[in-house]
């Protein structure tokens, strides 16, 4: 694993620990990911994370007027920008893939 990925993992695990995420919850989501096709796991995880960020943003909006001084709104704005871009990219990739036809594996050529 490269240094960037290791650093990201440390940061995410540290934040998860602060919010009392337990190993059972992590194992349950890893089980869901294991049932996905290996090429689709990243897409599934990103979509699930985007959904969670969106839920948090909608909940926060009921508590906040979205003023320029709200750090949570600023963070959610950045996260939602990335979420929209990633979902649009996933849809574009899927549409491109469908036009090409079904996946071909090296053993079926």
C-alpha atoms as a PDB file:
ATOM      1  CA  UNK A   1       0.000   0.000   0.000  1.00  0.00           C
ATOM      2  CA  UNK A   2       1.416   3.400  -0.917  1.00  0.00           C
ATOM      3  CA  UNK A   3       2.053   6.161   1.608  1.00  0.00           C
ATOM      4  CA  UNK A   4      -0.951   8.252   0.525  1.00  0.00           C
ATOM      5  CA  UNK A   5      -3.326   5.329   1.011  1.00  0.00           C
ATOM      6  CA  UNK A   6      -1.779   4.476   4.395  1.00  0.00           C
ATOM      7  CA  UNK A   7      -2.144   8.091   5.540  1.00  0.00           C
ATOM      8  CA  UNK A   8      -5.759   8.197   4.356  1.00  0.00           C
ATOM      9  CA  UNK A   9      -6.515   4.946   6.193  1.00  0.00           C
ATOM     10  CA  UNK A  10      -4.974   6.282   9.426  1.00  0.00           C
ATOM     11  CA  UNK A  11      -7.007   9.486   9.196  1.00  0.00           C
ATOM     12  CA  UNK A  12     -10.270   7.718   8.403  1.00  0.00           C
ATOM     13  CA  UNK A  13      -9.770   5.143  11.169  1.00  0.00           C
ATOM     14  CA  UNK A  14      -8.944   7.913  13.633  1.00  0.00           C
ATOM     15  CA  UNK A  15     -12.086   9.865  12.753  1.00  0.00           C
ATOM     16  CA  UNK A  16     -14.188   6.685  12.872  1.00  0.00           C
ATOM     17  CA  UNK A  17     -12.819   5.972  16.345  1.00  0.00           C
ATOM     18  CA  UNK A  18     -13.852   9.470  17.513  1.00  0.00           C
ATOM     19  CA  UNK A  19     -17.411   8.703  16.406  1.00  0.00           C
ATOM     20  CA  UNK A  20     -17.430   5.271  18.069  1.00  0.00           C
ATOM     21  CA  UNK A  21     -17.613   3.236  14.870  1.00  0.00           C
ATOM     22  CA  UNK A  22     -17.107  -0.382  15.845  1.00  0.00           C
ATOM     23  CA  UNK A  23     -15.463  -3.279  14.042  1.00  0.00           C
ATOM     24  CA  UNK A  24     -18.806  -5.062  13.584  1.00  0.00           C
ATOM     25  CA  UNK A  25     -20.213  -2.173  11.534  1.00  0.00           C
ATOM     26  CA  UNK A  26     -17.053  -2.065   9.438  1.00  0.00           C
ATOM     27  CA  UNK A  27     -17.139  -5.844   8.927  1.00  0.00           C
ATOM     28  CA  UNK A  28     -20.805  -5.682   7.896  1.00  0.00           C
ATOM     29  CA  UNK A  29     -20.103  -3.122   5.186  1.00  0.00           C
ATOM     30  CA  UNK A  30     -17.035  -5.043   4.022  1.00  0.00           C
ATOM     31  CA  UNK A  31     -19.319  -8.077   3.668  1.00  0.00           C
ATOM     32  CA  UNK A  32     -21.660  -6.043   1.462  1.00  0.00           C
ATOM     33  CA  UNK A  33     -18.675  -4.953  -0.635  1.00  0.00           C
ATOM     34  CA  UNK A  34     -17.436  -8.536  -0.945  1.00  0.00           C
ATOM     35  CA  UNK A  35     -20.718  -9.485  -2.652  1.00  0.00           C
ATOM     36  CA  UNK A  36     -20.101  -6.907  -5.397  1.00  0.00           C
ATOM     37  CA  UNK A  37     -18.116  -7.634  -8.528  1.00  0.00           C
ATOM     38  CA  UNK A  38     -14.474  -6.612  -7.912  1.00  0.00           C
ATOM     39  CA  UNK A  39     -14.708  -3.962 -10.647  1.00  0.00           C
ATOM     40  CA  UNK A  40     -17.837  -2.486  -9.049  1.00  0.00           C
ATOM     41  CA  UNK A  41     -16.770  -2.319  -5.390  1.00  0.00           C
ATOM     42  CA  UNK A  42     -15.291   1.161  -5.609  1.00  0.00           C
ATOM     43  CA  UNK A  43     -18.370   2.466  -7.401  1.00  0.00           C
ATOM     44  CA  UNK A  44     -20.680   0.899  -4.812  1.00  0.00           C
ATOM     45  CA  UNK A  45     -18.641   2.305  -1.913  1.00  0.00           C
ATOM     46  CA  UNK A  46     -18.562   5.791  -3.458  1.00  0.00           C
ATOM     47  CA  UNK A  47     -22.299   5.736  -4.099  1.00  0.00           C
ATOM     48  CA  UNK A  48     -22.993   4.609  -0.523  1.00  0.00           C
ATOM     49  CA  UNK A  49     -20.735   7.315   0.873  1.00  0.00           C
ATOM     50  CA  UNK A  50     -22.351   9.935  -1.373  1.00  0.00           C
ATOM     51  CA  UNK A  51     -25.765   8.905  -0.057  1.00  0.00           C
ATOM     52  CA  UNK A  52     -24.615   9.280   3.548  1.00  0.00           C
ATOM     53  CA  UNK A  53     -23.043  12.692   2.904  1.00  0.00           C
ATOM     54  CA  UNK A  54     -26.257  13.805   1.202  1.00  0.00           C
ATOM     55  CA  UNK A  55     -28.352  12.658   4.185  1.00  0.00           C
ATOM     56  CA  UNK A  56     -26.064  14.557   6.564  1.00  0.00           C
ATOM     57  CA  UNK A  57     -26.276  17.676   4.386  1.00  0.00           C
ATOM     58  CA  UNK A  58     -30.069  17.572   4.266  1.00  0.00           C
ATOM     59  CA  UNK A  59     -30.283  17.059   8.034  1.00  0.00           C
ATOM     60  CA  UNK A  60     -27.834  19.905   8.676  1.00  0.00           C
ATOM     61  CA  UNK A  61     -29.802  22.265   6.445  1.00  0.00           C
ATOM     62  CA  UNK A  62     -32.807  21.917   8.766  1.00  0.00           C
ATOM     63  CA  UNK A  63     -30.614  23.145  11.646  1.00  0.00           C
ATOM     64  CA  UNK A  64     -28.604  25.859   9.865  1.00  0.00           C
ATOM     65  CA  UNK A  65     -29.352  28.768   7.546  1.00  0.00           C
ATOM     66  CA  UNK A  66     -26.211  28.110   5.497  1.00  0.00           C
ATOM     67  CA  UNK A  67     -24.415  31.283   6.467  1.00  0.00           C
ATOM     68  CA  UNK A  68     -20.886  31.967   5.215  1.00  0.00           C
ATOM     69  CA  UNK A  69     -19.374  31.386   8.678  1.00  0.00           C
ATOM     70  CA  UNK A  70     -20.629  27.815   9.083  1.00  0.00           C
ATOM     71  CA  UNK A  71     -17.673  25.434   8.755  1.00  0.00           C
ATOM     72  CA  UNK A  72     -19.982  22.425   8.512  1.00  0.00           C
ATOM     73  CA  UNK A  73     -21.754  23.959   5.516  1.00  0.00           C
ATOM     74  CA  UNK A  74     -18.396  24.702   3.884  1.00  0.00           C
ATOM     75  CA  UNK A  75     -17.259  21.105   4.398  1.00  0.00           C
ATOM     76  CA  UNK A  76     -20.541  19.707   3.136  1.00  0.00           C
ATOM     77  CA  UNK A  77     -20.400  21.989   0.093  1.00  0.00           C
ATOM     78  CA  UNK A  78     -16.971  20.583  -0.782  1.00  0.00           C
ATOM     79  CA  UNK A  79     -18.087  16.998  -0.134  1.00  0.00           C
ATOM     80  CA  UNK A  80     -21.242  17.423  -2.221  1.00  0.00           C
ATOM     81  CA  UNK A  81     -19.230  18.954  -5.076  1.00  0.00           C
ATOM     82  CA  UNK A  82     -17.083  15.814  -5.127  1.00  0.00           C
ATOM     83  CA  UNK A  83     -20.167  13.590  -4.734  1.00  0.00           C
ATOM     84  CA  UNK A  84     -21.991  15.146  -7.698  1.00  0.00           C
ATOM     85  CA  UNK A  85     -18.877  14.952  -9.876  1.00  0.00           C
ATOM     86  CA  UNK A  86     -18.254  11.306  -8.928  1.00  0.00           C
ATOM     87  CA  UNK A  87     -21.860  10.203  -9.513  1.00  0.00           C
ATOM     88  CA  UNK A  88     -21.914  11.967 -12.889  1.00  0.00           C
ATOM     89  CA  UNK A  89     -18.631  10.254 -13.795  1.00  0.00           C
ATOM     90  CA  UNK A  90     -20.017   6.859 -12.704  1.00  0.00           C
ATOM     91  CA  UNK A  91     -23.111   7.360 -14.862  1.00  0.00           C
ATOM     92  CA  UNK A  92     -21.027   8.466 -17.846  1.00  0.00           C
ATOM     93  CA  UNK A  93     -18.733   5.467 -17.425  1.00  0.00           C
ATOM     94  CA  UNK A  94     -21.704   3.110 -17.210  1.00  0.00           C
ATOM     95  CA  UNK A  95     -23.289   4.596 -20.326  1.00  0.00           C
ATOM     96  CA  UNK A  96     -19.981   4.279 -22.204  1.00  0.00           C
ATOM     97  CA  UNK A  97     -19.615   0.680 -21.038  1.00  0.00           C
ATOM     98  CA  UNK A  98     -23.135  -0.234 -22.144  1.00  0.00           C
ATOM     99  CA  UNK A  99     -22.479   1.088 -25.643  1.00  0.00           C
ATOM    100  CA  UNK A 100     -19.427  -1.146 -25.892  1.00  0.00           C
ATOM    101  CA  UNK A 101     -21.387  -4.271 -25.057  1.00  0.00           C
ATOM    102  CA  UNK A 102     -20.962  -6.878 -22.355  1.00  0.00           C
ATOM    103  CA  UNK A 103     -17.704  -7.342 -20.507  1.00  0.00           C
ATOM    104  CA  UNK A 104     -15.323  -9.779 -22.117  1.00  0.00           C
ATOM    105  CA  UNK A 105     -13.001 -11.767 -19.937  1.00  0.00           C
ATOM    106  CA  UNK A 106      -9.681 -13.026 -21.221  1.00  0.00           C
ATOM    107  CA  UNK A 107     -10.766 -16.666 -20.792  1.00  0.00           C
ATOM    108  CA  UNK A 108     -13.832 -16.226 -23.015  1.00  0.00           C
ATOM    109  CA  UNK A 109     -11.996 -14.903 -26.086  1.00  0.00           C
END
